[in-house]
Structure formats: structure tokens, C-alpha cells
């Protein structure tokens, strides 16, 4: 997901983006990315802040819903109802017993 985030955050309004070593978790084995915003009180900064937070938060919730996290699935469904232009592909869930019976 990292390259996707790095590709789209500038278009969502980020002032800068970063790609860096993961730090203390898996030192040397993890790459993290992030973004920064300059919030100068302007209406444009307000627009970019709302756009970036909407994208960043919902992107994280969607990723967790794809991992079958029930709370994240509930949250992203609720946000899609609230925001009709938000479209997230939801996972096809299979009950655990069916999966267990396969192996």
C-alpha cells in the first residue's frame, strides 16, 4: 500500500511526502512513508487538511477491513453510507469453520 499512498498524497493536498526507514520495528527491514501539511490558516490549507485527513483515515480503515477486522468493516460501511462518493471494495468473508475444513 505504501507506493499507492506515496503516489496519491500529493494530489490530495500534502505539502511534502517522506519515505524512510521503519525505525525501531524491523530496523533496516521496514520502509515507512508519511506526509506533512503546512497549516497557515488559509482556506486552501483548510481544504487540504480536510481532504488529507479524509483520505488518510479512510485508507487505513479500508486496509484493516480487508484484513477482516470487524470494527474496521463496520466503520468503513458506515462512512460509505455517510459519504456516497466514497467507494471501497469490501472483502468477501468466509466463516472460520469453512476455512478450517479446507485444511
PDB file of N, CA and C in Angstrom:
ATOM      1  N   UNK A   1       0.812  -1.187   0.000  1.00  0.00           N
ATOM      2  CA  UNK A   1       0.000   0.000   0.000  1.00  0.00           C
ATOM      3  C   UNK A   1       0.860   1.257   0.000  1.00  0.00           C
ATOM      4  N   UNK A   2       2.083   1.135   0.432  1.00  0.00           N
ATOM      5  CA  UNK A   2       2.942   2.311   0.531  1.00  0.00           C
ATOM      6  C   UNK A   2       3.108   3.041  -0.793  1.00  0.00           C
ATOM      7  N   UNK A   3       3.423   2.364  -1.906  1.00  0.00           N
ATOM      8  CA  UNK A   3       3.570   3.118  -3.155  1.00  0.00           C
ATOM      9  C   UNK A   3       2.284   3.836  -3.552  1.00  0.00           C
ATOM     10  N   UNK A   4       1.131   3.218  -3.294  1.00  0.00           N
ATOM     11  CA  UNK A   4      -0.137   3.852  -3.610  1.00  0.00           C
ATOM     12  C   UNK A   4      -0.304   5.133  -2.800  1.00  0.00           C
ATOM     13  N   UNK A   5       0.017   5.076  -1.518  1.00  0.00           N
ATOM     14  CA  UNK A   5      -0.067   6.273  -0.688  1.00  0.00           C
ATOM     15  C   UNK A   5       0.867   7.358  -1.198  1.00  0.00           C
ATOM     16  N   UNK A   6       2.096   6.986  -1.508  1.00  0.00           N
ATOM     17  CA  UNK A   6       3.062   7.978  -1.985  1.00  0.00           C
ATOM     18  C   UNK A   6       2.635   8.575  -3.320  1.00  0.00           C
ATOM     19  N   UNK A   7       1.955   7.802  -4.125  1.00  0.00           N
ATOM     20  CA  UNK A   7       1.529   8.302  -5.426  1.00  0.00           C
ATOM     21  C   UNK A   7       0.376   9.291  -5.303  1.00  0.00           C
ATOM     22  N   UNK A   8      -0.503   9.087  -4.338  1.00  0.00           N
ATOM     23  CA  UNK A   8      -1.716   9.891  -4.282  1.00  0.00           C
ATOM     24  C   UNK A   8      -1.711  11.031  -3.272  1.00  0.00           C
ATOM     25  N   UNK A   9      -0.889  10.972  -2.231  1.00  0.00           N
ATOM     26  CA  UNK A   9      -0.964  12.053  -1.232  1.00  0.00           C
ATOM     27  C   UNK A   9      -0.631  13.428  -1.791  1.00  0.00           C
ATOM     28  N   UNK A  10       0.267  13.566  -2.770  1.00  0.00           N
ATOM     29  CA  UNK A  10       0.469  14.924  -3.311  1.00  0.00           C
ATOM     30  C   UNK A  10      -0.790  15.473  -3.979  1.00  0.00           C
ATOM     31  N   UNK A  11      -1.552  14.603  -4.627  1.00  0.00           N
ATOM     32  CA  UNK A  11      -2.777  15.032  -5.288  1.00  0.00           C
ATOM     33  C   UNK A  11      -3.890  15.331  -4.293  1.00  0.00           C
ATOM     34  N   UNK A  12      -3.780  14.782  -3.099  1.00  0.00           N
ATOM     35  CA  UNK A  12      -4.779  15.023  -2.056  1.00  0.00           C
ATOM     36  C   UNK A  12      -4.484  16.296  -1.273  1.00  0.00           C
ATOM     37  N   UNK A  13      -3.302  16.869  -1.454  1.00  0.00           N
ATOM     38  CA  UNK A  13      -3.017  18.144  -0.803  1.00  0.00           C
ATOM     39  C   UNK A  13      -1.823  18.168   0.124  1.00  0.00           C
ATOM     40  N   UNK A  14      -1.049  17.101   0.193  1.00  0.00           N
ATOM     41  CA  UNK A  14       0.115  17.085   1.075  1.00  0.00           C
ATOM     42  C   UNK A  14       1.125  18.150   0.651  1.00  0.00           C
ATOM     43  N   UNK A  15       1.728  18.799   1.636  1.00  0.00           N
ATOM     44  CA  UNK A  15       2.772  19.778   1.354  1.00  0.00           C
ATOM     45  C   UNK A  15       4.064  19.054   1.000  1.00  0.00           C
ATOM     46  N   UNK A  16       4.352  17.961   1.716  1.00  0.00           N
ATOM     47  CA  UNK A  16       5.515  17.136   1.394  1.00  0.00           C
ATOM     48  C   UNK A  16       5.202  15.689   1.750  1.00  0.00           C
ATOM     49  N   UNK A  17       5.972  14.781   1.140  1.00  0.00           N
ATOM     50  CA  UNK A  17       5.855  13.363   1.459  1.00  0.00           C
ATOM     51  C   UNK A  17       7.233  12.854   1.848  1.00  0.00           C
ATOM     52  N   UNK A  18       7.254  11.771   2.603  1.00  0.00           N
ATOM     53  CA  UNK A  18       8.535  11.206   3.010  1.00  0.00           C
ATOM     54  C   UNK A  18       8.504   9.696   2.867  1.00  0.00           C
ATOM     55  N   UNK A  19       9.648   9.154   2.579  1.00  0.00           N
ATOM     56  CA  UNK A  19       9.863   7.714   2.512  1.00  0.00           C
ATOM     57  C   UNK A  19      11.100   7.464   3.343  1.00  0.00           C
ATOM     58  N   UNK A  20      10.984   6.623   4.381  1.00  0.00           N
ATOM     59  CA  UNK A  20      12.100   6.476   5.303  1.00  0.00           C
ATOM     60  C   UNK A  20      12.148   5.092   5.917  1.00  0.00           C
ATOM     61  N   UNK A  21      13.273   4.795   6.561  1.00  0.00           N
ATOM     62  CA  UNK A  21      13.461   3.532   7.255  1.00  0.00           C
ATOM     63  C   UNK A  21      12.425   3.416   8.358  1.00  0.00           C
ATOM     64  N   UNK A  22      11.988   2.186   8.624  1.00  0.00           N
ATOM     65  CA  UNK A  22      10.935   1.944   9.599  1.00  0.00           C
ATOM     66  C   UNK A  22      11.297   2.221  11.038  1.00  0.00           C
ATOM     67  N   UNK A  23      12.539   2.452  11.332  1.00  0.00           N
ATOM     68  CA  UNK A  23      12.905   2.766  12.714  1.00  0.00           C
ATOM     69  C   UNK A  23      12.996   1.529  13.574  1.00  0.00           C
ATOM     70  N   UNK A  24      12.461   1.597  14.779  1.00  0.00           N
ATOM     71  CA  UNK A  24      12.634   0.561  15.788  1.00  0.00           C
ATOM     72  C   UNK A  24      12.002  -0.771  15.469  1.00  0.00           C
ATOM     73  N   UNK A  25      11.004  -0.804  14.600  1.00  0.00           N
ATOM     74  CA  UNK A  25      10.353  -2.066  14.267  1.00  0.00           C
ATOM     75  C   UNK A  25      11.010  -2.627  13.014  1.00  0.00           C
ATOM     76  N   UNK A  26      11.674  -3.757  13.137  1.00  0.00           N
ATOM     77  CA  UNK A  26      12.329  -4.374  11.993  1.00  0.00           C
ATOM     78  C   UNK A  26      13.406  -3.492  11.405  1.00  0.00           C
ATOM     79  N   UNK A  27      14.235  -2.939  12.263  1.00  0.00           N
ATOM     80  CA  UNK A  27      15.270  -1.993  11.847  1.00  0.00           C
ATOM     81  C   UNK A  27      15.949  -2.468  10.565  1.00  0.00           C
ATOM     82  N   UNK A  28      15.902  -1.635   9.547  1.00  0.00           N
ATOM     83  CA  UNK A  28      16.521  -1.954   8.276  1.00  0.00           C
ATOM     84  C   UNK A  28      15.670  -2.810   7.367  1.00  0.00           C
ATOM     85  N   UNK A  29      14.554  -3.308   7.865  1.00  0.00           N
ATOM     86  CA  UNK A  29      13.716  -4.200   7.068  1.00  0.00           C
ATOM     87  C   UNK A  29      12.359  -3.600   6.726  1.00  0.00           C
ATOM     88  N   UNK A  30      12.030  -2.464   7.296  1.00  0.00           N
ATOM     89  CA  UNK A  30      10.712  -1.875   7.098  1.00  0.00           C
ATOM     90  C   UNK A  30      10.879  -0.492   6.485  1.00  0.00           C
ATOM     91  N   UNK A  31      10.040  -0.184   5.524  1.00  0.00           N
ATOM     92  CA  UNK A  31      10.035   1.156   4.932  1.00  0.00           C
ATOM     93  C   UNK A  31       8.701   1.802   5.278  1.00  0.00           C
ATOM     94  N   UNK A  32       8.738   2.999   5.767  1.00  0.00           N
ATOM     95  CA  UNK A  32       7.524   3.742   6.095  1.00  0.00           C
ATOM     96  C   UNK A  32       7.424   4.972   5.219  1.00  0.00           C
ATOM     97  N   UNK A  33       6.238   5.487   5.124  1.00  0.00           N
ATOM     98  CA  UNK A  33       6.008   6.728   4.398  1.00  0.00           C
ATOM     99  C   UNK A  33       5.115   7.622   5.220  1.00  0.00           C
ATOM    100  N   UNK A  34       5.135   8.871   4.912  1.00  0.00           N
ATOM    101  CA  UNK A  34       4.285   9.810   5.613  1.00  0.00           C
ATOM    102  C   UNK A  34       4.092  11.064   4.794  1.00  0.00           C
ATOM    103  N   UNK A  35       3.360  11.988   5.372  1.00  0.00           N
ATOM    104  CA  UNK A  35       3.142  13.244   4.685  1.00  0.00           C
ATOM    105  C   UNK A  35       3.099  14.357   5.715  1.00  0.00           C
ATOM    106  N   UNK A  36       3.270  15.555   5.247  1.00  0.00           N
ATOM    107  CA  UNK A  36       3.180  16.729   6.102  1.00  0.00           C
ATOM    108  C   UNK A  36       2.316  17.776   5.440  1.00  0.00           C
ATOM    109  N   UNK A  37       1.747  18.624   6.264  1.00  0.00           N
ATOM    110  CA  UNK A  37       0.904  19.710   5.776  1.00  0.00           C
ATOM    111  C   UNK A  37       1.340  21.006   6.430  1.00  0.00           C
ATOM    112  N   UNK A  38       1.413  22.062   5.651  1.00  0.00           N
ATOM    113  CA  UNK A  38       1.615  23.387   6.216  1.00  0.00           C
ATOM    114  C   UNK A  38       0.227  23.977   6.429  1.00  0.00           C
ATOM    115  N   UNK A  39      -0.096  24.259   7.687  1.00  0.00           N
ATOM    116  CA  UNK A  39      -1.410  24.808   8.031  1.00  0.00           C
ATOM    117  C   UNK A  39      -1.225  26.276   8.398  1.00  0.00           C
ATOM    118  N   UNK A  40      -1.441  27.136   7.425  1.00  0.00           N
ATOM    119  CA  UNK A  40      -1.165  28.565   7.605  1.00  0.00           C
ATOM    120  C   UNK A  40      -2.415  29.395   7.865  1.00  0.00           C
ATOM    121  N   UNK A  41      -3.553  28.743   8.097  1.00  0.00           N
ATOM    122  CA  UNK A  41      -4.781  29.473   8.371  1.00  0.00           C
ATOM    123  C   UNK A  41      -5.553  29.857   7.128  1.00  0.00           C
ATOM    124  N   UNK A  42      -5.034  29.562   5.965  1.00  0.00           N
ATOM    125  CA  UNK A  42      -5.724  29.927   4.728  1.00  0.00           C
ATOM    126  C   UNK A  42      -6.868  28.955   4.438  1.00  0.00           C
ATOM    127  N   UNK A  43      -7.786  29.376   3.600  1.00  0.00           N
ATOM    128  CA  UNK A  43      -8.891  28.500   3.219  1.00  0.00           C
ATOM    129  C   UNK A  43      -8.364  27.303   2.414  1.00  0.00           C
ATOM    130  N   UNK A  44      -7.284  27.505   1.644  1.00  0.00           N
ATOM    131  CA  UNK A  44      -6.694  26.402   0.902  1.00  0.00           C
ATOM    132  C   UNK A  44      -6.090  25.364   1.849  1.00  0.00           C
ATOM    133  N   UNK A  45      -5.446  25.819   2.912  1.00  0.00           N
ATOM    134  CA  UNK A  45      -4.893  24.884   3.897  1.00  0.00           C
ATOM    135  C   UNK A  45      -6.020  24.103   4.573  1.00  0.00           C
ATOM    136  N   UNK A  46      -7.135  24.770   4.855  1.00  0.00           N
ATOM    137  CA  UNK A  46      -8.287  24.105   5.464  1.00  0.00           C
ATOM    138  C   UNK A  46      -8.824  23.020   4.528  1.00  0.00           C
ATOM    139  N   UNK A  47      -8.924  23.335   3.249  1.00  0.00           N
ATOM    140  CA  UNK A  47      -9.396  22.372   2.252  1.00  0.00           C
ATOM    141  C   UNK A  47      -8.453  21.176   2.174  1.00  0.00           C
ATOM    142  N   UNK A  48      -7.141  21.448   2.109  1.00  0.00           N
ATOM    143  CA  UNK A  48      -6.163  20.357   2.017  1.00  0.00           C
ATOM    144  C   UNK A  48      -6.177  19.493   3.273  1.00  0.00           C
ATOM    145  N   UNK A  49      -6.331  20.109   4.445  1.00  0.00           N
ATOM    146  CA  UNK A  49      -6.389  19.349   5.697  1.00  0.00           C
ATOM    147  C   UNK A  49      -7.576  18.393   5.691  1.00  0.00           C
ATOM    148  N   UNK A  50      -8.748  18.880   5.331  1.00  0.00           N
ATOM    149  CA  UNK A  50      -9.944  18.023   5.299  1.00  0.00           C
ATOM    150  C   UNK A  50      -9.773  16.892   4.283  1.00  0.00           C
ATOM    151  N   UNK A  51      -9.227  17.219   3.141  1.00  0.00           N
ATOM    152  CA  UNK A  51      -9.025  16.219   2.094  1.00  0.00           C
ATOM    153  C   UNK A  51      -8.021  15.157   2.530  1.00  0.00           C
ATOM    154  N   UNK A  52      -6.900  15.587   3.109  1.00  0.00           N
ATOM    155  CA  UNK A  52      -5.867  14.634   3.527  1.00  0.00           C
ATOM    156  C   UNK A  52      -6.344  13.751   4.669  1.00  0.00           C
ATOM    157  N   UNK A  53      -6.999  14.323   5.659  1.00  0.00           N
ATOM    158  CA  UNK A  53      -7.469  13.504   6.779  1.00  0.00           C
ATOM    159  C   UNK A  53      -8.529  12.509   6.325  1.00  0.00           C
ATOM    160  N   UNK A  54      -9.423  12.949   5.452  1.00  0.00           N
ATOM    161  CA  UNK A  54     -10.443  12.047   4.923  1.00  0.00           C
ATOM    162  C   UNK A  54      -9.778  10.869   4.216  1.00  0.00           C
ATOM    163  N   UNK A  55      -8.821  11.163   3.332  1.00  0.00           N
ATOM    164  CA  UNK A  55      -8.121  10.118   2.579  1.00  0.00           C
ATOM    165  C   UNK A  55      -7.325   9.212   3.518  1.00  0.00           C
ATOM    166  N   UNK A  56      -6.517   9.782   4.380  1.00  0.00           N
ATOM    167  CA  UNK A  56      -5.609   9.006   5.211  1.00  0.00           C
ATOM    168  C   UNK A  56      -6.368   8.098   6.176  1.00  0.00           C
ATOM    169  N   UNK A  57      -7.367   8.646   6.852  1.00  0.00           N
ATOM    170  CA  UNK A  57      -8.126   7.852   7.832  1.00  0.00           C
ATOM    171  C   UNK A  57      -8.902   6.735   7.139  1.00  0.00           C
ATOM    172  N   UNK A  58      -9.622   7.063   6.074  1.00  0.00           N
ATOM    173  CA  UNK A  58     -10.416   6.038   5.404  1.00  0.00           C
ATOM    174  C   UNK A  58      -9.550   4.995   4.709  1.00  0.00           C
ATOM    175  N   UNK A  59      -8.389   5.389   4.238  1.00  0.00           N
ATOM    176  CA  UNK A  59      -7.458   4.429   3.657  1.00  0.00           C
ATOM    177  C   UNK A  59      -7.018   3.416   4.718  1.00  0.00           C
ATOM    178  N   UNK A  60      -6.698   3.889   5.905  1.00  0.00           N
ATOM    179  CA  UNK A  60      -6.304   2.988   6.993  1.00  0.00           C
ATOM    180  C   UNK A  60      -7.431   2.067   7.415  1.00  0.00           C
ATOM    181  N   UNK A  61      -8.642   2.604   7.516  1.00  0.00           N
ATOM    182  CA  UNK A  61      -9.795   1.779   7.900  1.00  0.00           C
ATOM    183  C   UNK A  61     -10.068   0.728   6.829  1.00  0.00           C
ATOM    184  N   UNK A  62      -9.996   1.121   5.554  1.00  0.00           N
ATOM    185  CA  UNK A  62     -10.231   0.170   4.460  1.00  0.00           C
ATOM    186  C   UNK A  62      -9.213  -0.966   4.507  1.00  0.00           C
ATOM    187  N   UNK A  63      -7.941  -0.625   4.706  1.00  0.00           N
ATOM    188  CA  UNK A  63      -6.905  -1.667   4.764  1.00  0.00           C
ATOM    189  C   UNK A  63      -7.176  -2.648   5.897  1.00  0.00           C
ATOM    190  N   UNK A  64      -7.616  -2.146   7.025  1.00  0.00           N
ATOM    191  CA  UNK A  64      -7.907  -3.039   8.156  1.00  0.00           C
ATOM    192  C   UNK A  64      -9.166  -3.865   7.903  1.00  0.00           C
ATOM    193  N   UNK A  65     -10.122  -3.310   7.173  1.00  0.00           N
ATOM    194  CA  UNK A  65     -11.325  -4.091   6.851  1.00  0.00           C
ATOM    195  C   UNK A  65     -10.969  -5.240   5.913  1.00  0.00           C
ATOM    196  N   UNK A  66     -10.003  -5.025   5.013  1.00  0.00           N
ATOM    197  CA  UNK A  66      -9.578  -6.097   4.110  1.00  0.00           C
ATOM    198  C   UNK A  66      -8.906  -7.228   4.880  1.00  0.00           C
ATOM    199  N   UNK A  67      -8.415  -6.925   6.083  1.00  0.00           N
ATOM    200  CA  UNK A  67      -7.809  -7.951   6.933  1.00  0.00           C
ATOM    201  C   UNK A  67      -8.860  -8.627   7.828  1.00  0.00           C
ATOM    202  N   UNK A  68     -10.124  -8.390   7.545  1.00  0.00           N
ATOM    203  CA  UNK A  68     -11.274  -8.983   8.250  1.00  0.00           C
ATOM    204  C   UNK A  68     -11.444  -8.452   9.669  1.00  0.00           C
ATOM    205  N   UNK A  69     -11.005  -7.246   9.929  1.00  0.00           N
ATOM    206  CA  UNK A  69     -11.232  -6.633  11.236  1.00  0.00           C
ATOM    207  C   UNK A  69     -12.684  -6.171  11.278  1.00  0.00           C
ATOM    208  N   UNK A  70     -13.465  -6.750  12.186  1.00  0.00           N
ATOM    209  CA  UNK A  70     -14.914  -6.483  12.222  1.00  0.00           C
ATOM    210  C   UNK A  70     -15.233  -5.018  12.487  1.00  0.00           C
ATOM    211  N   UNK A  71     -14.489  -4.400  13.393  1.00  0.00           N
ATOM    212  CA  UNK A  71     -14.754  -2.996  13.711  1.00  0.00           C
ATOM    213  C   UNK A  71     -14.433  -2.091  12.527  1.00  0.00           C
ATOM    214  N   UNK A  72     -13.350  -2.396  11.819  1.00  0.00           N
ATOM    215  CA  UNK A  72     -12.990  -1.605  10.643  1.00  0.00           C
ATOM    216  C   UNK A  72     -14.018  -1.797   9.529  1.00  0.00           C
ATOM    217  N   UNK A  73     -14.510  -3.003   9.371  1.00  0.00           N
ATOM    218  CA  UNK A  73     -15.535  -3.273   8.368  1.00  0.00           C
ATOM    219  C   UNK A  73     -16.800  -2.479   8.682  1.00  0.00           C
ATOM    220  N   UNK A  74     -17.186  -2.462   9.954  1.00  0.00           N
ATOM    221  CA  UNK A  74     -18.341  -1.669  10.378  1.00  0.00           C
ATOM    222  C   UNK A  74     -18.107  -0.184  10.091  1.00  0.00           C
ATOM    223  N   UNK A  75     -16.911   0.311  10.435  1.00  0.00           N
ATOM    224  CA  UNK A  75     -16.607   1.736  10.288  1.00  0.00           C
ATOM    225  C   UNK A  75     -16.588   2.171   8.822  1.00  0.00           C
ATOM    226  N   UNK A  76     -16.012   1.357   7.944  1.00  0.00           N
ATOM    227  CA  UNK A  76     -15.934   1.777   6.540  1.00  0.00           C
ATOM    228  C   UNK A  76     -17.303   1.688   5.880  1.00  0.00           C
ATOM    229  N   UNK A  77     -18.128   0.725   6.265  1.00  0.00           N
ATOM    230  CA  UNK A  77     -19.501   0.652   5.739  1.00  0.00           C
ATOM    231  C   UNK A  77     -20.288   1.883   6.181  1.00  0.00           C
ATOM    232  N   UNK A  78     -20.134   2.258   7.441  1.00  0.00           N
ATOM    233  CA  UNK A  78     -20.835   3.437   7.963  1.00  0.00           C
ATOM    234  C   UNK A  78     -20.392   4.697   7.227  1.00  0.00           C
ATOM    235  N   UNK A  79     -19.085   4.823   6.973  1.00  0.00           N
ATOM    236  CA  UNK A  79     -18.593   6.014   6.275  1.00  0.00           C
ATOM    237  C   UNK A  79     -19.063   6.041   4.824  1.00  0.00           C
ATOM    238  N   UNK A  80     -19.164   4.879   4.182  1.00  0.00           N
ATOM    239  CA  UNK A  80     -19.669   4.854   2.803  1.00  0.00           C
ATOM    240  C   UNK A  80     -21.141   5.261   2.756  1.00  0.00           C
ATOM    241  N   UNK A  81     -21.913   4.928   3.807  1.00  0.00           N
ATOM    242  CA  UNK A  81     -23.306   5.376   3.872  1.00  0.00           C
ATOM    243  C   UNK A  81     -23.369   6.891   4.061  1.00  0.00           C
ATOM    244  N   UNK A  82     -22.486   7.421   4.886  1.00  0.00           N
ATOM    245  CA  UNK A  82     -22.456   8.859   5.154  1.00  0.00           C
ATOM    246  C   UNK A  82     -21.932   9.659   3.976  1.00  0.00           C
ATOM    247  N   UNK A  83     -20.997   9.062   3.221  1.00  0.00           N
ATOM    248  CA  UNK A  83     -20.319   9.760   2.130  1.00  0.00           C
ATOM    249  C   UNK A  83     -20.517   8.954   0.849  1.00  0.00           C
ATOM    250  N   UNK A  84     -21.557   9.250   0.080  1.00  0.00           N
ATOM    251  CA  UNK A  84     -21.873   8.440  -1.109  1.00  0.00           C
ATOM    252  C   UNK A  84     -20.750   8.357  -2.141  1.00  0.00           C
ATOM    253  N   UNK A  85     -19.874   9.350  -2.215  1.00  0.00           N
ATOM    254  CA  UNK A  85     -18.781   9.300  -3.196  1.00  0.00           C
ATOM    255  C   UNK A  85     -17.629   8.404  -2.763  1.00  0.00           C
ATOM    256  N   UNK A  86     -17.635   7.941  -1.525  1.00  0.00           N
ATOM    257  CA  UNK A  86     -16.590   7.031  -1.051  1.00  0.00           C
ATOM    258  C   UNK A  86     -16.965   5.611  -1.457  1.00  0.00           C
ATOM    259  N   UNK A  87     -16.130   4.997  -2.248  1.00  0.00           N
ATOM    260  CA  UNK A  87     -16.354   3.626  -2.713  1.00  0.00           C
ATOM    261  C   UNK A  87     -15.155   2.772  -2.309  1.00  0.00           C
ATOM    262  N   UNK A  88     -15.398   1.780  -1.480  1.00  0.00           N
ATOM    263  CA  UNK A  88     -14.346   0.874  -1.031  1.00  0.00           C
ATOM    264  C   UNK A  88     -14.795  -0.550  -1.351  1.00  0.00           C
ATOM    265  N   UNK A  89     -13.926  -1.315  -1.971  1.00  0.00           N
ATOM    266  CA  UNK A  89     -14.219  -2.719  -2.221  1.00  0.00           C
ATOM    267  C   UNK A  89     -14.145  -3.455  -0.891  1.00  0.00           C
ATOM    268  N   UNK A  90     -15.212  -4.137  -0.544  1.00  0.00           N
ATOM    269  CA  UNK A  90     -15.259  -4.859   0.729  1.00  0.00           C
ATOM    270  C   UNK A  90     -14.816  -6.305   0.527  1.00  0.00           C
ATOM    271  N   UNK A  91     -14.237  -6.893   1.564  1.00  0.00           N
ATOM    272  CA  UNK A  91     -13.796  -8.282   1.437  1.00  0.00           C
ATOM    273  C   UNK A  91     -14.985  -9.240   1.416  1.00  0.00           C
ATOM    274  N   UNK A  92     -14.808 -10.368   0.768  1.00  0.00           N
ATOM    275  CA  UNK A  92     -15.791 -11.446   0.830  1.00  0.00           C
ATOM    276  C   UNK A  92     -15.417 -12.307   2.027  1.00  0.00           C
ATOM    277  N   UNK A  93     -16.257 -12.313   3.028  1.00  0.00           N
ATOM    278  CA  UNK A  93     -15.942 -13.030   4.256  1.00  0.00           C
ATOM    279  C   UNK A  93     -16.394 -14.484   4.171  1.00  0.00           C
ATOM    280  N   UNK A  94     -15.583 -15.338   4.711  1.00  0.00           N
ATOM    281  CA  UNK A  94     -15.881 -16.757   4.796  1.00  0.00           C
ATOM    282  C   UNK A  94     -15.809 -17.123   6.266  1.00  0.00           C
ATOM    283  N   UNK A  95     -16.784 -17.913   6.734  1.00  0.00           N
ATOM    284  CA  UNK A  95     -16.740 -18.260   8.153  1.00  0.00           C
ATOM    285  C   UNK A  95     -15.515 -19.153   8.442  1.00  0.00           C
ATOM    286  N   UNK A  96     -15.034 -19.042   9.651  1.00  0.00           N
ATOM    287  CA  UNK A  96     -13.797 -19.736  10.037  1.00  0.00           C
ATOM    288  C   UNK A  96     -13.903 -21.258   9.887  1.00  0.00           C
ATOM    289  N   UNK A  97     -15.073 -21.825  10.157  1.00  0.00           N
ATOM    290  CA  UNK A  97     -15.231 -23.275  10.053  1.00  0.00           C
ATOM    291  C   UNK A  97     -15.005 -23.745   8.622  1.00  0.00           C
ATOM    292  N   UNK A  98     -15.521 -23.011   7.660  1.00  0.00           N
ATOM    293  CA  UNK A  98     -15.320 -23.375   6.253  1.00  0.00           C
ATOM    294  C   UNK A  98     -13.837 -23.377   5.911  1.00  0.00           C
ATOM    295  N   UNK A  99     -13.127 -22.346   6.376  1.00  0.00           N
ATOM    296  CA  UNK A  99     -11.681 -22.298   6.126  1.00  0.00           C
ATOM    297  C   UNK A  99     -10.960 -23.444   6.814  1.00  0.00           C
ATOM    298  N   UNK A 100     -11.329 -23.720   8.063  1.00  0.00           N
ATOM    299  CA  UNK A 100     -10.676 -24.793   8.805  1.00  0.00           C
ATOM    300  C   UNK A 100     -10.894 -26.148   8.132  1.00  0.00           C
ATOM    301  N   UNK A 101     -12.083 -26.348   7.550  1.00  0.00           N
ATOM    302  CA  UNK A 101     -12.388 -27.624   6.897  1.00  0.00           C
ATOM    303  C   UNK A 101     -11.587 -27.836   5.621  1.00  0.00           C
ATOM    304  N   UNK A 102     -11.041 -26.756   5.052  1.00  0.00           N
ATOM    305  CA  UNK A 102     -10.248 -26.897   3.832  1.00  0.00           C
ATOM    306  C   UNK A 102      -8.874 -27.514   4.089  1.00  0.00           C
ATOM    307  N   UNK A 103      -8.387 -27.368   5.309  1.00  0.00           N
ATOM    308  CA  UNK A 103      -7.026 -27.815   5.595  1.00  0.00           C
ATOM    309  C   UNK A 103      -7.021 -28.904   6.588  1.00  0.00           C
TER     310      UNK A 103
END
